[in-house]
PDB file of all heavy atoms in Angstrom:
ATOM      1  N   GLU A   1      78.386 -20.743 -87.353  1.00  0.00           N
ATOM      2  CA  GLU A   1      78.376 -19.319 -87.701  1.00  0.00           C
ATOM      3  C   GLU A   1      79.707 -18.937 -88.341  1.00  0.00           C
ATOM      4  O   GLU A   1      80.766 -19.396 -87.911  1.00  0.00           O
ATOM      5  CB  GLU A   1      78.154 -18.471 -86.443  1.00  0.00           C
ATOM      6  CG  GLU A   1      76.798 -18.665 -85.819  1.00  0.00           C
ATOM      7  CD  GLU A   1      76.613 -17.847 -84.544  1.00  0.00           C
ATOM      8  OE1 GLU A   1      77.579 -17.189 -84.090  1.00  0.00           O
ATOM      9  OE2 GLU A   1      75.505 -17.879 -84.005  1.00  0.00           O
ATOM     10  N   ARG A   2      79.645 -18.093 -89.350  1.00  0.00           N
ATOM     11  CA  ARG A   2      80.895 -17.651 -90.005  1.00  0.00           C
ATOM     12  C   ARG A   2      81.716 -16.766 -89.083  1.00  0.00           C
ATOM     13  O   ARG A   2      82.920 -16.906 -88.996  1.00  0.00           O
ATOM     14  CB  ARG A   2      80.576 -16.894 -91.292  1.00  0.00           C
ATOM     15  CG  ARG A   2      80.113 -17.809 -92.380  1.00  0.00           C
ATOM     16  CD  ARG A   2      79.974 -17.097 -93.684  1.00  0.00           C
ATOM     17  NE  ARG A   2      79.487 -18.063 -94.665  1.00  0.00           N
ATOM     18  CZ  ARG A   2      78.977 -17.739 -95.804  1.00  0.00           C
ATOM     19  NH1 ARG A   2      78.883 -16.481 -96.151  1.00  0.00           N
ATOM     20  NH2 ARG A   2      78.564 -18.668 -96.628  1.00  0.00           N
ATOM     21  N   ALA A   3      81.046 -15.855 -88.407  1.00  0.00           N
ATOM     22  CA  ALA A   3      81.759 -14.921 -87.538  1.00  0.00           C
ATOM     23  C   ALA A   3      82.232 -15.579 -86.235  1.00  0.00           C
ATOM     24  O   ALA A   3      83.151 -15.085 -85.602  1.00  0.00           O
ATOM     25  CB  ALA A   3      80.865 -13.731 -87.207  1.00  0.00           C
ATOM     26  N   ASN A   4      81.601 -16.690 -85.863  1.00  0.00           N
ATOM     27  CA  ASN A   4      81.912 -17.363 -84.610  1.00  0.00           C
ATOM     28  C   ASN A   4      81.871 -18.875 -84.849  1.00  0.00           C
ATOM     29  O   ASN A   4      80.931 -19.546 -84.423  1.00  0.00           O
ATOM     30  CB  ASN A   4      80.895 -16.932 -83.549  1.00  0.00           C
ATOM     31  CG  ASN A   4      81.350 -17.237 -82.151  1.00  0.00           C
ATOM     32  OD1 ASN A   4      82.452 -17.734 -81.936  1.00  0.00           O
ATOM     33  ND2 ASN A   4      80.489 -16.964 -81.198  1.00  0.00           N
ATOM     34  N   PRO A   5      82.877 -19.442 -85.553  1.00  0.00           N
ATOM     35  CA  PRO A   5      82.805 -20.822 -86.032  1.00  0.00           C
ATOM     36  C   PRO A   5      82.801 -21.903 -84.954  1.00  0.00           C
ATOM     37  O   PRO A   5      82.585 -23.064 -85.254  1.00  0.00           O
ATOM     38  CB  PRO A   5      84.025 -20.971 -86.937  1.00  0.00           C
ATOM     39  CG  PRO A   5      84.912 -19.841 -86.634  1.00  0.00           C
ATOM     40  CD  PRO A   5      84.087 -18.770 -85.997  1.00  0.00           C
ATOM     41  N   GLU A   6      83.018 -21.551 -83.696  1.00  0.00           N
ATOM     42  CA  GLU A   6      82.972 -22.578 -82.659  1.00  0.00           C
ATOM     43  C   GLU A   6      81.546 -22.915 -82.212  1.00  0.00           C
ATOM     44  O   GLU A   6      81.333 -23.851 -81.469  1.00  0.00           O
ATOM     45  CB  GLU A   6      83.842 -22.215 -81.446  1.00  0.00           C
ATOM     46  CG  GLU A   6      83.434 -20.982 -80.688  1.00  0.00           C
ATOM     47  CD  GLU A   6      84.036 -19.696 -81.241  1.00  0.00           C
ATOM     48  OE1 GLU A   6      84.809 -19.735 -82.205  1.00  0.00           O
ATOM     49  OE2 GLU A   6      83.702 -18.648 -80.676  1.00  0.00           O
ATOM     50  N   VAL A   7      80.559 -22.144 -82.695  1.00  0.00           N
ATOM     51  CA  VAL A   7      79.159 -22.424 -82.342  1.00  0.00           C
ATOM     52  C   VAL A   7      78.309 -22.545 -83.605  1.00  0.00           C
ATOM     53  O   VAL A   7      78.625 -21.982 -84.643  1.00  0.00           O
ATOM     54  CB  VAL A   7      78.555 -21.332 -81.418  1.00  0.00           C
ATOM     55  CG1 VAL A   7      79.276 -21.279 -80.086  1.00  0.00           C
ATOM     56  CG2 VAL A   7      78.563 -19.982 -82.082  1.00  0.00           C
ATOM     57  N   PHE A   8      77.221 -23.298 -83.480  1.00  0.00           N
ATOM     58  CA  PHE A   8      76.269 -23.419 -84.579  1.00  0.00           C
ATOM     59  C   PHE A   8      75.352 -22.206 -84.565  1.00  0.00           C
ATOM     60  O   PHE A   8      75.264 -21.488 -83.570  1.00  0.00           O
ATOM     61  CB  PHE A   8      75.478 -24.718 -84.452  1.00  0.00           C
ATOM     62  CG  PHE A   8      76.306 -25.924 -84.749  1.00  0.00           C
ATOM     63  CD1 PHE A   8      77.033 -26.553 -83.754  1.00  0.00           C
ATOM     64  CD2 PHE A   8      76.397 -26.412 -86.042  1.00  0.00           C
ATOM     65  CE1 PHE A   8      77.823 -27.651 -84.037  1.00  0.00           C
ATOM     66  CE2 PHE A   8      77.181 -27.514 -86.334  1.00  0.00           C
ATOM     67  CZ  PHE A   8      77.901 -28.134 -85.328  1.00  0.00           C
ATOM     68  N   ASN A   9      74.667 -21.976 -85.660  1.00  0.00           N
ATOM     69  CA  ASN A   9      73.797 -20.816 -85.839  1.00  0.00           C
ATOM     70  C   ASN A   9      72.862 -20.654 -84.633  1.00  0.00           C
ATOM     71  O   ASN A   9      71.860 -21.349 -84.514  1.00  0.00           O
ATOM     72  CB  ASN A   9      73.000 -20.980 -87.133  1.00  0.00           C
ATOM     73  CG  ASN A   9      72.162 -19.778 -87.464  1.00  0.00           C
ATOM     74  OD1 ASN A   9      71.623 -19.113 -86.593  1.00  0.00           O
ATOM     75  ND2 ASN A   9      72.033 -19.512 -88.745  1.00  0.00           N
ATOM     76  N   ARG A  10      73.239 -19.742 -83.746  1.00  0.00           N
ATOM     77  CA  ARG A  10      72.496 -19.557 -82.492  1.00  0.00           C
ATOM     78  C   ARG A  10      71.071 -19.084 -82.723  1.00  0.00           C
ATOM     79  O   ARG A  10      70.162 -19.468 -81.994  1.00  0.00           O
ATOM     80  CB  ARG A  10      73.241 -18.578 -81.580  1.00  0.00           C
ATOM     81  CG  ARG A  10      74.490 -19.197 -80.982  1.00  0.00           C
ATOM     82  CD  ARG A  10      75.235 -18.210 -80.174  1.00  0.00           C
ATOM     83  NE  ARG A  10      76.002 -17.370 -81.103  1.00  0.00           N
ATOM     84  CZ  ARG A  10      77.003 -16.595 -80.747  1.00  0.00           C
ATOM     85  NH1 ARG A  10      77.354 -16.502 -79.496  1.00  0.00           N
ATOM     86  NH2 ARG A  10      77.652 -15.895 -81.634  1.00  0.00           N
ATOM     87  N   LYS A  11      70.858 -18.262 -83.740  1.00  0.00           N
ATOM     88  CA  LYS A  11      69.506 -17.772 -84.019  1.00  0.00           C
ATOM     89  C   LYS A  11      68.587 -18.935 -84.377  1.00  0.00           C
ATOM     90  O   LYS A  11      67.476 -19.048 -83.858  1.00  0.00           O
ATOM     91  CB  LYS A  11      69.543 -16.743 -85.151  1.00  0.00           C
ATOM     92  CG  LYS A  11      68.184 -16.199 -85.508  1.00  0.00           C
ATOM     93  CD  LYS A  11      68.268 -15.182 -86.636  1.00  0.00           C
ATOM     94  CE  LYS A  11      66.883 -14.701 -87.029  1.00  0.00           C
ATOM     95  NZ  LYS A  11      66.929 -13.832 -88.202  1.00  0.00           N
ATOM     96  N   ARG A  12      69.054 -19.809 -85.261  1.00  0.00           N
ATOM     97  CA  ARG A  12      68.239 -20.943 -85.708  1.00  0.00           C
ATOM     98  C   ARG A  12      67.989 -21.915 -84.556  1.00  0.00           C
ATOM     99  O   ARG A  12      66.877 -22.396 -84.373  1.00  0.00           O
ATOM    100  CB  ARG A  12      68.969 -21.637 -86.858  1.00  0.00           C
ATOM    101  CG  ARG A  12      68.092 -22.466 -87.724  1.00  0.00           C
ATOM    102  CD  ARG A  12      67.151 -21.613 -88.521  1.00  0.00           C
ATOM    103  NE  ARG A  12      66.425 -22.462 -89.463  1.00  0.00           N
ATOM    104  CZ  ARG A  12      65.368 -22.083 -90.111  1.00  0.00           C
ATOM    105  NH1 ARG A  12      64.900 -20.876 -89.974  1.00  0.00           N
ATOM    106  NH2 ARG A  12      64.759 -22.895 -90.925  1.00  0.00           N
ATOM    107  N   ILE A  13      69.013 -22.228 -83.785  1.00  0.00           N
ATOM    108  CA  ILE A  13      68.858 -23.143 -82.647  1.00  0.00           C
ATOM    109  C   ILE A  13      67.933 -22.537 -81.605  1.00  0.00           C
ATOM    110  O   ILE A  13      67.074 -23.223 -81.045  1.00  0.00           O
ATOM    111  CB  ILE A  13      70.231 -23.517 -82.057  1.00  0.00           C
ATOM    112  CG1 ILE A  13      70.960 -24.443 -83.046  1.00  0.00           C
ATOM    113  CG2 ILE A  13      70.077 -24.183 -80.696  1.00  0.00           C
ATOM    114  CD1 ILE A  13      72.358 -24.805 -82.671  1.00  0.00           C
ATOM    115  N   ASN A  14      68.062 -21.246 -81.359  1.00  0.00           N
ATOM    116  CA  ASN A  14      67.190 -20.572 -80.393  1.00  0.00           C
ATOM    117  C   ASN A  14      65.735 -20.615 -80.857  1.00  0.00           C
ATOM    118  O   ASN A  14      64.820 -20.787 -80.056  1.00  0.00           O
ATOM    119  CB  ASN A  14      67.654 -19.133 -80.165  1.00  0.00           C
ATOM    120  CG  ASN A  14      67.195 -18.586 -78.848  1.00  0.00           C
ATOM    121  OD1 ASN A  14      67.286 -19.268 -77.827  1.00  0.00           O
ATOM    122  ND2 ASN A  14      66.690 -17.374 -78.856  1.00  0.00           N
ATOM    123  N   GLN A  15      65.510 -20.467 -82.173  1.00  0.00           N
ATOM    124  CA  GLN A  15      64.154 -20.557 -82.711  1.00  0.00           C
ATOM    125  C   GLN A  15      63.590 -21.969 -82.516  1.00  0.00           C
ATOM    126  O   GLN A  15      62.436 -22.135 -82.145  1.00  0.00           O
ATOM    127  CB  GLN A  15      64.140 -20.201 -84.203  1.00  0.00           C
ATOM    128  CG  GLN A  15      64.381 -18.742 -84.471  1.00  0.00           C
ATOM    129  CD  GLN A  15      64.592 -18.452 -85.958  1.00  0.00           C
ATOM    130  OE1 GLN A  15      64.858 -19.353 -86.753  1.00  0.00           O
ATOM    131  NE2 GLN A  15      64.479 -17.189 -86.328  1.00  0.00           N
ATOM    132  N   LEU A  16      64.415 -22.983 -82.761  1.00  0.00           N
ATOM    133  CA  LEU A  16      63.983 -24.367 -82.554  1.00  0.00           C
ATOM    134  C   LEU A  16      63.643 -24.616 -81.086  1.00  0.00           C
ATOM    135  O   LEU A  16      62.593 -25.169 -80.764  1.00  0.00           O
ATOM    136  CB  LEU A  16      65.096 -25.332 -82.966  1.00  0.00           C
ATOM    137  CG  LEU A  16      64.989 -26.029 -84.291  1.00  0.00           C
ATOM    138  CD1 LEU A  16      66.217 -26.885 -84.552  1.00  0.00           C
ATOM    139  CD2 LEU A  16      63.743 -26.835 -84.427  1.00  0.00           C
ATOM    140  N   LEU A  17      64.536 -24.214 -80.202  1.00  0.00           N
ATOM    141  CA  LEU A  17      64.300 -24.404 -78.771  1.00  0.00           C
ATOM    142  C   LEU A  17      63.083 -23.613 -78.308  1.00  0.00           C
ATOM    143  O   LEU A  17      62.364 -24.042 -77.402  1.00  0.00           O
ATOM    144  CB  LEU A  17      65.541 -23.998 -77.962  1.00  0.00           C
ATOM    145  CG  LEU A  17      66.769 -24.887 -78.132  1.00  0.00           C
ATOM    146  CD1 LEU A  17      67.974 -24.263 -77.442  1.00  0.00           C
ATOM    147  CD2 LEU A  17      66.514 -26.298 -77.624  1.00  0.00           C
ATOM    148  N   GLY A  18      62.824 -22.484 -78.946  1.00  0.00           N
ATOM    149  CA  GLY A  18      61.696 -21.637 -78.573  1.00  0.00           C
ATOM    150  C   GLY A  18      60.343 -22.260 -78.848  1.00  0.00           C
ATOM    151  O   GLY A  18      59.329 -21.802 -78.331  1.00  0.00           O
ATOM    152  N   THR A  19      60.305 -23.329 -79.638  1.00  0.00           N
ATOM    153  CA  THR A  19      59.043 -24.018 -79.890  1.00  0.00           C
ATOM    154  C   THR A  19      58.652 -24.927 -78.736  1.00  0.00           C
ATOM    155  O   THR A  19      57.545 -25.437 -78.702  1.00  0.00           O
ATOM    156  CB  THR A  19      59.110 -24.875 -81.175  1.00  0.00           C
ATOM    157  OG1 THR A  19      60.055 -25.941 -80.986  1.00  0.00           O
ATOM    158  CG2 THR A  19      59.485 -24.031 -82.379  1.00  0.00           C
ATOM    159  N   GLN A  20      59.554 -25.119 -77.805  1.00  0.00           N
ATOM    160  CA  GLN A  20      59.321 -26.018 -76.677  1.00  0.00           C
ATOM    161  C   GLN A  20      59.061 -25.194 -75.415  1.00  0.00           C
ATOM    162  O   GLN A  20      59.398 -24.027 -75.333  1.00  0.00           O
ATOM    163  CB  GLN A  20      60.520 -26.946 -76.481  1.00  0.00           C
ATOM    164  CG  GLN A  20      60.892 -27.724 -77.727  1.00  0.00           C
ATOM    165  CD  GLN A  20      59.722 -28.507 -78.295  1.00  0.00           C
ATOM    166  OE1 GLN A  20      59.080 -29.263 -77.579  1.00  0.00           O
ATOM    167  NE2 GLN A  20      59.452 -28.324 -79.587  1.00  0.00           N
ATOM    168  N   ASP A  21      58.460 -25.824 -74.443  1.00  0.00           N
ATOM    169  CA  ASP A  21      58.137 -25.161 -73.183  1.00  0.00           C
ATOM    170  C   ASP A  21      59.386 -25.130 -72.306  1.00  0.00           C
ATOM    171  O   ASP A  21      59.587 -25.995 -71.459  1.00  0.00           O
ATOM    172  CB  ASP A  21      56.992 -25.905 -72.483  1.00  0.00           C
ATOM    173  CG  ASP A  21      56.496 -25.165 -71.256  1.00  0.00           C
ATOM    174  OD1 ASP A  21      56.682 -23.933 -71.198  1.00  0.00           O
ATOM    175  OD2 ASP A  21      55.916 -25.828 -70.367  1.00  0.00           O
ATOM    176  N   LEU A  22      60.229 -24.128 -72.559  1.00  0.00           N
ATOM    177  CA  LEU A  22      61.480 -23.982 -71.815  1.00  0.00           C
ATOM    178  C   LEU A  22      61.444 -22.723 -70.970  1.00  0.00           C
ATOM    179  O   LEU A  22      60.924 -21.695 -71.400  1.00  0.00           O
ATOM    180  CB  LEU A  22      62.665 -23.853 -72.781  1.00  0.00           C
ATOM    181  CG  LEU A  22      63.252 -25.110 -73.361  1.00  0.00           C
ATOM    182  CD1 LEU A  22      64.327 -24.761 -74.386  1.00  0.00           C
ATOM    183  CD2 LEU A  22      63.828 -25.980 -72.280  1.00  0.00           C
ATOM    184  N   LYS A  23      62.043 -22.812 -69.813  1.00  0.00           N
ATOM    185  CA  LYS A  23      62.176 -21.633 -68.957  1.00  0.00           C
ATOM    186  C   LYS A  23      63.229 -20.710 -69.577  1.00  0.00           C
ATOM    187  O   LYS A  23      64.285 -21.162 -70.031  1.00  0.00           O
ATOM    188  CB  LYS A  23      62.595 -22.079 -67.552  1.00  0.00           C
ATOM    189  CG  LYS A  23      62.705 -20.964 -66.569  1.00  0.00           C
ATOM    190  CD  LYS A  23      63.109 -21.493 -65.207  1.00  0.00           C
ATOM    191  CE  LYS A  23      63.324 -20.326 -64.259  1.00  0.00           C
ATOM    192  NZ  LYS A  23      63.878 -20.787 -62.984  1.00  0.00           N
ATOM    193  N   ASP A  24      62.929 -19.421 -69.638  1.00  0.00           N
ATOM    194  CA  ASP A  24      63.873 -18.453 -70.178  1.00  0.00           C
ATOM    195  C   ASP A  24      65.187 -18.538 -69.408  1.00  0.00           C
ATOM    196  O   ASP A  24      65.194 -18.570 -68.184  1.00  0.00           O
ATOM    197  CB  ASP A  24      63.286 -17.032 -70.090  1.00  0.00           C
ATOM    198  CG  ASP A  24      64.084 -16.035 -70.893  1.00  0.00           C
ATOM    199  OD1 ASP A  24      64.682 -16.426 -71.919  1.00  0.00           O
ATOM    200  OD2 ASP A  24      64.116 -14.846 -70.498  1.00  0.00           O
ATOM    201  N   GLY A  25      66.281 -18.616 -70.125  1.00  0.00           N
ATOM    202  CA  GLY A  25      67.586 -18.697 -69.496  1.00  0.00           C
ATOM    203  C   GLY A  25      68.089 -20.123 -69.309  1.00  0.00           C
ATOM    204  O   GLY A  25      69.152 -20.328 -68.729  1.00  0.00           O
ATOM    205  N   THR A  26      67.340 -21.107 -69.806  1.00  0.00           N
ATOM    206  CA  THR A  26      67.787 -22.497 -69.711  1.00  0.00           C
ATOM    207  C   THR A  26      69.121 -22.638 -70.434  1.00  0.00           C
ATOM    208  O   THR A  26      69.277 -22.167 -71.550  1.00  0.00           O
ATOM    209  CB  THR A  26      66.749 -23.461 -70.329  1.00  0.00           C
ATOM    210  OG1 THR A  26      65.525 -23.327 -69.614  1.00  0.00           O
ATOM    211  CG2 THR A  26      67.225 -24.903 -70.268  1.00  0.00           C
TER     212      THR A  26
END
């Protein structure tokens, strides 16, 4: 992320993880 360069694009990663059967808050 440009505004937070220590992390990767959280929105995109969250969308990817959201395709899997994960418990909310994992």
